[in-house]
């Protein structure tokens, strides 16, 4: 399992990259990273952005269960 912050660092992505590519707000992203409850749609969008970059770098995609400290409602 990995935190979103650690994955972004490993992939060379920033919070701004995720917010721009997903269309979610900075506030929603901050809630997700901070372990607060977020809509499933928000978590899936962030995961999708992470997985696009992972695929681009030749890595296997992750699932929501691979992410630490994510609270989905």
C-alpha atoms as a PDB file:
ATOM      1  CA  UNK A   1       0.000   0.000   0.000  1.00  0.00           C
ATOM      2  CA  UNK A   2       1.116   3.548  -0.654  1.00  0.00           C
ATOM      3  CA  UNK A   3      -0.042   7.053   0.138  1.00  0.00           C
ATOM      4  CA  UNK A   4      -1.123   9.344  -2.662  1.00  0.00           C
ATOM      5  CA  UNK A   5       1.664  11.758  -1.723  1.00  0.00           C
ATOM      6  CA  UNK A   6       4.326   9.069  -2.040  1.00  0.00           C
ATOM      7  CA  UNK A   7       2.950   7.898  -5.386  1.00  0.00           C
ATOM      8  CA  UNK A   8       2.932  11.433  -6.753  1.00  0.00           C
ATOM      9  CA  UNK A   9       6.513  11.958  -5.632  1.00  0.00           C
ATOM     10  CA  UNK A  10       7.627   8.671  -7.220  1.00  0.00           C
ATOM     11  CA  UNK A  11       5.884   9.578 -10.479  1.00  0.00           C
ATOM     12  CA  UNK A  12       7.106  13.175 -10.568  1.00  0.00           C
ATOM     13  CA  UNK A  13       3.570  14.581 -10.322  1.00  0.00           C
ATOM     14  CA  UNK A  14       2.283  17.496  -8.258  1.00  0.00           C
ATOM     15  CA  UNK A  15      -1.069  18.186  -6.646  1.00  0.00           C
ATOM     16  CA  UNK A  16      -1.598  20.771  -9.381  1.00  0.00           C
ATOM     17  CA  UNK A  17      -1.034  18.121 -12.057  1.00  0.00           C
ATOM     18  CA  UNK A  18      -3.718  15.930 -10.499  1.00  0.00           C
ATOM     19  CA  UNK A  19      -6.190  18.775 -10.008  1.00  0.00           C
ATOM     20  CA  UNK A  20      -5.763  19.941 -13.616  1.00  0.00           C
ATOM     21  CA  UNK A  21      -5.978  16.479 -15.162  1.00  0.00           C
ATOM     22  CA  UNK A  22      -8.998  15.359 -13.112  1.00  0.00           C
ATOM     23  CA  UNK A  23     -11.038  18.541 -12.833  1.00  0.00           C
ATOM     24  CA  UNK A  24     -11.451  18.141  -9.076  1.00  0.00           C
ATOM     25  CA  UNK A  25     -10.936  21.049  -6.707  1.00  0.00           C
ATOM     26  CA  UNK A  26      -7.811  21.582  -4.632  1.00  0.00           C
ATOM     27  CA  UNK A  27     -10.063  21.279  -1.580  1.00  0.00           C
ATOM     28  CA  UNK A  28     -11.310  17.835  -2.636  1.00  0.00           C
ATOM     29  CA  UNK A  29      -7.747  16.717  -3.341  1.00  0.00           C
ATOM     30  CA  UNK A  30      -6.600  18.013   0.055  1.00  0.00           C
ATOM     31  CA  UNK A  31      -9.437  16.110   1.768  1.00  0.00           C
ATOM     32  CA  UNK A  32      -8.473  12.908  -0.038  1.00  0.00           C
ATOM     33  CA  UNK A  33      -4.773  13.263   0.831  1.00  0.00           C
ATOM     34  CA  UNK A  34      -5.646  14.236   4.402  1.00  0.00           C
ATOM     35  CA  UNK A  35      -7.622  11.045   4.964  1.00  0.00           C
ATOM     36  CA  UNK A  36     -10.994  12.756   5.112  1.00  0.00           C
ATOM     37  CA  UNK A  37     -14.049  11.327   3.419  1.00  0.00           C
ATOM     38  CA  UNK A  38     -14.390  11.963  -0.307  1.00  0.00           C
ATOM     39  CA  UNK A  39     -16.833  10.825  -2.942  1.00  0.00           C
ATOM     40  CA  UNK A  40     -15.914   7.605  -4.707  1.00  0.00           C
ATOM     41  CA  UNK A  41     -15.912   9.536  -7.994  1.00  0.00           C
ATOM     42  CA  UNK A  42     -13.171  11.832  -6.654  1.00  0.00           C
ATOM     43  CA  UNK A  43     -10.991   8.942  -5.514  1.00  0.00           C
ATOM     44  CA  UNK A  44     -11.466   7.135  -8.839  1.00  0.00           C
ATOM     45  CA  UNK A  45     -10.501  10.264 -10.796  1.00  0.00           C
ATOM     46  CA  UNK A  46      -7.303  10.684  -8.785  1.00  0.00           C
ATOM     47  CA  UNK A  47      -6.491   7.007  -9.134  1.00  0.00           C
ATOM     48  CA  UNK A  48      -7.098   7.249 -12.883  1.00  0.00           C
ATOM     49  CA  UNK A  49      -4.613  10.107 -13.196  1.00  0.00           C
ATOM     50  CA  UNK A  50      -2.046   8.186 -11.166  1.00  0.00           C
ATOM     51  CA  UNK A  51      -2.569   5.065 -13.262  1.00  0.00           C
ATOM     52  CA  UNK A  52      -2.240   6.954 -16.555  1.00  0.00           C
ATOM     53  CA  UNK A  53       1.184   8.132 -15.465  1.00  0.00           C
ATOM     54  CA  UNK A  54       2.117   4.699 -14.112  1.00  0.00           C
ATOM     55  CA  UNK A  55       1.236   3.120 -17.477  1.00  0.00           C
ATOM     56  CA  UNK A  56       3.178   5.818 -19.314  1.00  0.00           C
ATOM     57  CA  UNK A  57       6.206   4.934 -17.183  1.00  0.00           C
ATOM     58  CA  UNK A  58       5.730   1.187 -17.798  1.00  0.00           C
ATOM     59  CA  UNK A  59       4.279   0.352 -14.375  1.00  0.00           C
ATOM     60  CA  UNK A  60       1.257  -1.738 -13.462  1.00  0.00           C
ATOM     61  CA  UNK A  61      -1.943   0.120 -12.505  1.00  0.00           C
ATOM     62  CA  UNK A  62      -3.178   0.261  -8.924  1.00  0.00           C
ATOM     63  CA  UNK A  63      -6.636  -0.175  -7.404  1.00  0.00           C
ATOM     64  CA  UNK A  64      -8.273   1.912  -4.690  1.00  0.00           C
ATOM     65  CA  UNK A  65      -7.434  -0.798  -2.174  1.00  0.00           C
ATOM     66  CA  UNK A  66      -3.735  -0.189  -2.912  1.00  0.00           C
ATOM     67  CA  UNK A  67      -3.981   3.391  -1.591  1.00  0.00           C
ATOM     68  CA  UNK A  68      -3.414   4.099   2.103  1.00  0.00           C
ATOM     69  CA  UNK A  69      -5.612   6.397   4.163  1.00  0.00           C
ATOM     70  CA  UNK A  70      -8.371   6.855   1.555  1.00  0.00           C
ATOM     71  CA  UNK A  71     -11.882   7.267   2.984  1.00  0.00           C
ATOM     72  CA  UNK A  72     -14.578   6.821   0.339  1.00  0.00           C
ATOM     73  CA  UNK A  73     -18.274   7.501   0.895  1.00  0.00           C
END
